[in-house]
Amino acid sequence: MKFNTADLCDQYRDEVQVLQSGFSSYGKDKKIFGQIVTIKLDEDNSGLITLLKGVGEDRVVVVDVDASYCAVVGDTLMGYAHKHNWAGIIVNGYVRDTHETKKIEAGLWALGTCPMKSAKKSPSSQGCELNFGGVTFVEGDYLYADYDGIVVMKENVLI
């Protein structure tokens, strides 16, 4: 996987969206690329569990929980991501078990950590357009992440 987000921003300035700062890496993989799958949660992560138990095909799950202060991803879900070949997870919210998630071969970016897991409140919505951090995430678009940041583009520019 040969890319740098900084180079993508230089080369495709008018086509790239850059996720605003505030997201930190909590997975073992610090550089990921993949087609986006979106899911909107109301703290209840059961829809995300089901999604991550499905075939990942090197895609990236973008999760929006409206920055609610509870953990929607931990070591168990990261284990599913790795086992089922997901490139990684981006969470507009919080994660836990980071002492373990940092050992699992998948990418994980989130706003921070919270020891309290999510409550079971309501069903999720998959495949919807998500907006946070100055980026519009559309299922099927492409996400590129590395040490410098996270960018989204309509096209796969790596082929």
C-alpha atoms as a PDB file:
ATOM      1  CA  MET A   1       0.000   0.000   0.000  1.00  0.00           C
ATOM      2  CA  LYS A   2       1.979   2.944  -1.298  1.00  0.00           C
ATOM      3  CA  PHE A   3       0.455   6.306  -0.467  1.00  0.00           C
ATOM      4  CA  ASN A   4       0.833   9.186   1.913  1.00  0.00           C
ATOM      5  CA  THR A   5      -2.141  11.341   2.786  1.00  0.00           C
ATOM      6  CA  ALA A   6       0.025  14.458   2.463  1.00  0.00           C
ATOM      7  CA  ASP A   7       0.912  13.501  -1.134  1.00  0.00           C
ATOM      8  CA  LEU A   8      -2.745  12.793  -1.920  1.00  0.00           C
ATOM      9  CA  CYS A   9      -3.663  16.247  -0.631  1.00  0.00           C
ATOM     10  CA  ASP A  10      -0.942  17.811  -2.799  1.00  0.00           C
ATOM     11  CA  GLN A  11      -1.889  15.907  -5.928  1.00  0.00           C
ATOM     12  CA  TYR A  12      -5.693  15.945  -5.567  1.00  0.00           C
ATOM     13  CA  ARG A  13      -6.247  19.185  -3.633  1.00  0.00           C
ATOM     14  CA  ASP A  14      -9.675  19.894  -5.156  1.00  0.00           C
ATOM     15  CA  GLU A  15     -10.929  16.306  -4.836  1.00  0.00           C
ATOM     16  CA  VAL A  16      -9.903  15.364  -1.307  1.00  0.00           C
ATOM     17  CA  GLN A  17     -11.740  15.915   1.975  1.00  0.00           C
ATOM     18  CA  VAL A  18      -9.596  16.016   5.112  1.00  0.00           C
ATOM     19  CA  LEU A  19     -11.009  14.898   8.456  1.00  0.00           C
ATOM     20  CA  GLN A  20     -10.430  17.594  11.053  1.00  0.00           C
ATOM     21  CA  SER A  21      -7.987  16.938  13.855  1.00  0.00           C
ATOM     22  CA  GLY A  22      -9.015  15.345  17.104  1.00  0.00           C
ATOM     23  CA  PHE A  23      -8.955  11.717  15.976  1.00  0.00           C
ATOM     24  CA  SER A  24      -6.267   9.444  17.417  1.00  0.00           C
ATOM     25  CA  SER A  25      -5.073   6.006  16.381  1.00  0.00           C
ATOM     26  CA  TYR A  26      -5.884   3.058  18.659  1.00  0.00           C
ATOM     27  CA  GLY A  27      -5.266   0.097  16.333  1.00  0.00           C
ATOM     28  CA  LYS A  28      -2.064  -1.692  15.365  1.00  0.00           C
ATOM     29  CA  ASP A  29      -2.296  -0.659  11.701  1.00  0.00           C
ATOM     30  CA  LYS A  30      -1.333   2.995  11.313  1.00  0.00           C
ATOM     31  CA  LYS A  31      -1.888   3.117   7.554  1.00  0.00           C
ATOM     32  CA  ILE A  32      -5.088   1.858   5.950  1.00  0.00           C
ATOM     33  CA  PHE A  33      -7.026   2.265   2.741  1.00  0.00           C
ATOM     34  CA  GLY A  34     -10.420   0.990   1.709  1.00  0.00           C
ATOM     35  CA  GLN A  35     -13.891   1.565   0.421  1.00  0.00           C
ATOM     36  CA  ILE A  36     -16.222   3.101   2.989  1.00  0.00           C
ATOM     37  CA  VAL A  37     -19.154   1.371   4.680  1.00  0.00           C
ATOM     38  CA  THR A  38     -21.194   3.730   6.892  1.00  0.00           C
ATOM     39  CA  ILE A  39     -23.209   3.090  10.031  1.00  0.00           C
ATOM     40  CA  LYS A  40     -25.043   5.509  12.326  1.00  0.00           C
ATOM     41  CA  LEU A  41     -25.481   4.427  15.953  1.00  0.00           C
ATOM     42  CA  ASP A  42     -27.467   5.745  18.882  1.00  0.00           C
ATOM     43  CA  GLU A  43     -24.940   4.245  21.313  1.00  0.00           C
ATOM     44  CA  ASP A  44     -26.284   0.731  20.624  1.00  0.00           C
ATOM     45  CA  ASN A  45     -23.418  -1.032  18.871  1.00  0.00           C
ATOM     46  CA  SER A  46     -25.253  -4.290  18.056  1.00  0.00           C
ATOM     47  CA  GLY A  47     -25.601  -3.255  14.381  1.00  0.00           C
ATOM     48  CA  LEU A  48     -21.854  -2.641  14.267  1.00  0.00           C
ATOM     49  CA  ILE A  49     -21.192  -6.066  15.769  1.00  0.00           C
ATOM     50  CA  THR A  50     -23.297  -7.700  13.051  1.00  0.00           C
ATOM     51  CA  LEU A  51     -21.534  -5.660  10.360  1.00  0.00           C
ATOM     52  CA  LEU A  52     -18.042  -6.544  11.594  1.00  0.00           C
ATOM     53  CA  LYS A  53     -18.921 -10.257  11.687  1.00  0.00           C
ATOM     54  CA  GLY A  54     -19.587 -10.029   7.932  1.00  0.00           C
ATOM     55  CA  VAL A  55     -16.997 -10.164   5.174  1.00  0.00           C
ATOM     56  CA  GLY A  56     -14.884  -6.999   5.259  1.00  0.00           C
ATOM     57  CA  GLU A  57     -13.078  -7.243   1.910  1.00  0.00           C
ATOM     58  CA  ASP A  58     -10.522  -4.656   3.134  1.00  0.00           C
ATOM     59  CA  ARG A  59     -13.230  -2.008   3.532  1.00  0.00           C
ATOM     60  CA  VAL A  60     -13.332   0.671   6.229  1.00  0.00           C
ATOM     61  CA  VAL A  61     -16.300   1.100   8.580  1.00  0.00           C
ATOM     62  CA  VAL A  62     -17.121   4.720   9.390  1.00  0.00           C
ATOM     63  CA  VAL A  63     -19.190   4.904  12.573  1.00  0.00           C
ATOM     64  CA  ASP A  64     -21.077   7.995  13.722  1.00  0.00           C
ATOM     65  CA  VAL A  65     -22.319   7.985  17.303  1.00  0.00           C
ATOM     66  CA  ASP A  66     -22.515  11.805  17.512  1.00  0.00           C
ATOM     67  CA  ALA A  67     -19.436  11.883  19.765  1.00  0.00           C
ATOM     68  CA  SER A  68     -21.488  10.375  22.605  1.00  0.00           C
ATOM     69  CA  TYR A  69     -19.245   9.678  25.582  1.00  0.00           C
ATOM     70  CA  CYS A  70     -19.360   5.900  25.698  1.00  0.00           C
ATOM     71  CA  ALA A  71     -17.227   3.239  24.034  1.00  0.00           C
ATOM     72  CA  VAL A  72     -18.745   1.606  20.953  1.00  0.00           C
ATOM     73  CA  VAL A  73     -15.589  -0.304  19.944  1.00  0.00           C
ATOM     74  CA  GLY A  74     -13.220  -2.337  22.088  1.00  0.00           C
ATOM     75  CA  ASP A  75     -11.003  -5.374  21.759  1.00  0.00           C
ATOM     76  CA  THR A  76     -13.858  -7.753  20.892  1.00  0.00           C
ATOM     77  CA  LEU A  77     -15.079  -5.691  17.930  1.00  0.00           C
ATOM     78  CA  MET A  78     -11.515  -5.077  16.756  1.00  0.00           C
ATOM     79  CA  GLY A  79     -11.029  -8.841  16.880  1.00  0.00           C
ATOM     80  CA  TYR A  80     -14.040  -9.249  14.575  1.00  0.00           C
ATOM     81  CA  ALA A  81     -12.622  -6.576  12.257  1.00  0.00           C
ATOM     82  CA  HIS A  82      -9.312  -8.417  11.989  1.00  0.00           C
ATOM     83  CA  LYS A  83     -10.855 -11.891  11.670  1.00  0.00           C
ATOM     84  CA  HIS A  84     -13.255 -10.829   8.907  1.00  0.00           C
ATOM     85  CA  ASN A  85     -10.724  -8.762   6.928  1.00  0.00           C
ATOM     86  CA  TRP A  86     -11.865  -5.173   7.592  1.00  0.00           C
ATOM     87  CA  ALA A  87      -9.109  -2.623   6.969  1.00  0.00           C
ATOM     88  CA  GLY A  88     -10.228  -0.536   9.899  1.00  0.00           C
ATOM     89  CA  ILE A  89     -12.782   1.496  11.787  1.00  0.00           C
ATOM     90  CA  ILE A  90     -13.207   5.262  12.119  1.00  0.00           C
ATOM     91  CA  VAL A  91     -15.395   6.271  15.085  1.00  0.00           C
ATOM     92  CA  ASN A  92     -16.949   9.664  15.674  1.00  0.00           C
ATOM     93  CA  GLY A  93     -17.019   8.686  19.304  1.00  0.00           C
ATOM     94  CA  TYR A  94     -14.991   6.734  21.811  1.00  0.00           C
ATOM     95  CA  VAL A  95     -13.294   3.363  22.234  1.00  0.00           C
ATOM     96  CA  ARG A  96     -11.973   1.237  25.090  1.00  0.00           C
ATOM     97  CA  ASP A  97      -9.613  -1.662  25.779  1.00  0.00           C
ATOM     98  CA  THR A  98      -6.935   0.271  23.900  1.00  0.00           C
ATOM     99  CA  HIS A  99      -4.153  -1.688  25.602  1.00  0.00           C
ATOM    100  CA  GLU A 100      -5.499  -4.607  23.524  1.00  0.00           C
ATOM    101  CA  THR A 101      -6.815  -2.823  20.395  1.00  0.00           C
ATOM    102  CA  LYS A 102      -3.306  -1.483  19.722  1.00  0.00           C
ATOM    103  CA  LYS A 103      -2.141  -5.109  19.297  1.00  0.00           C
ATOM    104  CA  ILE A 104      -4.823  -6.064  16.746  1.00  0.00           C
ATOM    105  CA  GLU A 105      -3.969  -5.836  13.049  1.00  0.00           C
ATOM    106  CA  ALA A 106      -6.574  -3.357  11.864  1.00  0.00           C
ATOM    107  CA  GLY A 107      -6.807   0.409  11.907  1.00  0.00           C
ATOM    108  CA  LEU A 108      -8.837   2.203  14.563  1.00  0.00           C
ATOM    109  CA  TRP A 109      -9.261   5.965  14.893  1.00  0.00           C
ATOM    110  CA  ALA A 110     -11.560   7.670  17.407  1.00  0.00           C
ATOM    111  CA  LEU A 111     -12.005  10.874  19.386  1.00  0.00           C
ATOM    112  CA  GLY A 112     -10.654   9.269  22.543  1.00  0.00           C
ATOM    113  CA  THR A 113     -11.219   6.606  25.145  1.00  0.00           C
ATOM    114  CA  CYS A 114     -13.995   5.888  27.635  1.00  0.00           C
ATOM    115  CA  PRO A 115     -14.112   2.857  29.944  1.00  0.00           C
ATOM    116  CA  MET A 116     -17.945   2.682  29.899  1.00  0.00           C
ATOM    117  CA  LYS A 117     -19.389   0.590  27.080  1.00  0.00           C
ATOM    118  CA  SER A 118     -22.395   1.709  25.096  1.00  0.00           C
ATOM    119  CA  ALA A 119     -25.952   1.129  26.209  1.00  0.00           C
ATOM    120  CA  LYS A 120     -28.461  -0.742  24.122  1.00  0.00           C
ATOM    121  CA  LYS A 121     -30.899   1.950  23.011  1.00  0.00           C
ATOM    122  CA  SER A 122     -32.077   1.739  19.431  1.00  0.00           C
ATOM    123  CA  PRO A 123     -31.290   0.177  16.066  1.00  0.00           C
ATOM    124  CA  SER A 124     -28.574   1.444  13.756  1.00  0.00           C
ATOM    125  CA  SER A 125     -28.795   2.786  10.217  1.00  0.00           C
ATOM    126  CA  GLN A 126     -26.342   1.380   7.708  1.00  0.00           C
ATOM    127  CA  GLY A 127     -25.445   2.866   4.332  1.00  0.00           C
ATOM    128  CA  CYS A 128     -26.478   6.412   5.222  1.00  0.00           C
ATOM    129  CA  GLU A 129     -24.504   9.560   4.477  1.00  0.00           C
ATOM    130  CA  LEU A 130     -22.576  10.735   7.540  1.00  0.00           C
ATOM    131  CA  ASN A 131     -21.234  14.219   8.241  1.00  0.00           C
ATOM    132  CA  PHE A 132     -18.656  14.984  10.929  1.00  0.00           C
ATOM    133  CA  GLY A 133     -15.216  16.510  11.230  1.00  0.00           C
ATOM    134  CA  GLY A 134     -15.705  18.599   8.102  1.00  0.00           C
ATOM    135  CA  VAL A 135     -16.150  15.512   5.889  1.00  0.00           C
ATOM    136  CA  THR A 136     -19.147  13.937   4.193  1.00  0.00           C
ATOM    137  CA  PHE A 137     -18.787  10.153   4.278  1.00  0.00           C
ATOM    138  CA  VAL A 138     -20.677   8.361   1.517  1.00  0.00           C
ATOM    139  CA  GLU A 139     -20.801   4.590   1.345  1.00  0.00           C
ATOM    140  CA  GLY A 140     -18.657   3.461  -1.579  1.00  0.00           C
ATOM    141  CA  ASP A 141     -16.212   6.387  -1.424  1.00  0.00           C
ATOM    142  CA  TYR A 142     -12.582   5.706  -0.452  1.00  0.00           C
ATOM    143  CA  LEU A 143     -10.791   6.435   2.798  1.00  0.00           C
ATOM    144  CA  TYR A 144      -7.028   6.797   3.174  1.00  0.00           C
ATOM    145  CA  ALA A 145      -5.462   7.080   6.643  1.00  0.00           C
ATOM    146  CA  ASP A 146      -1.900   7.291   7.898  1.00  0.00           C
ATOM    147  CA  TYR A 147       0.228   9.082  10.495  1.00  0.00           C
ATOM    148  CA  ASP A 148      -0.642  12.505   9.053  1.00  0.00           C
ATOM    149  CA  GLY A 149      -4.401  12.159   8.987  1.00  0.00           C
ATOM    150  CA  ILE A 150      -7.508  10.791   7.335  1.00  0.00           C
ATOM    151  CA  VAL A 151      -8.723  11.792   3.883  1.00  0.00           C
ATOM    152  CA  VAL A 152     -11.721  10.781   1.789  1.00  0.00           C
ATOM    153  CA  MET A 153     -12.067  10.744  -1.988  1.00  0.00           C
ATOM    154  CA  LYS A 154     -14.757   9.643  -4.423  1.00  0.00           C
ATOM    155  CA  GLU A 155     -12.274   7.536  -6.413  1.00  0.00           C
ATOM    156  CA  ASN A 156      -9.638   4.919  -5.741  1.00  0.00           C
ATOM    157  CA  VAL A 157      -6.493   6.723  -6.904  1.00  0.00           C
ATOM    158  CA  LEU A 158      -4.207   3.814  -6.010  1.00  0.00           C
ATOM    159  CA  ILE A 159      -5.017   1.715  -9.084  1.00  0.00           C
END
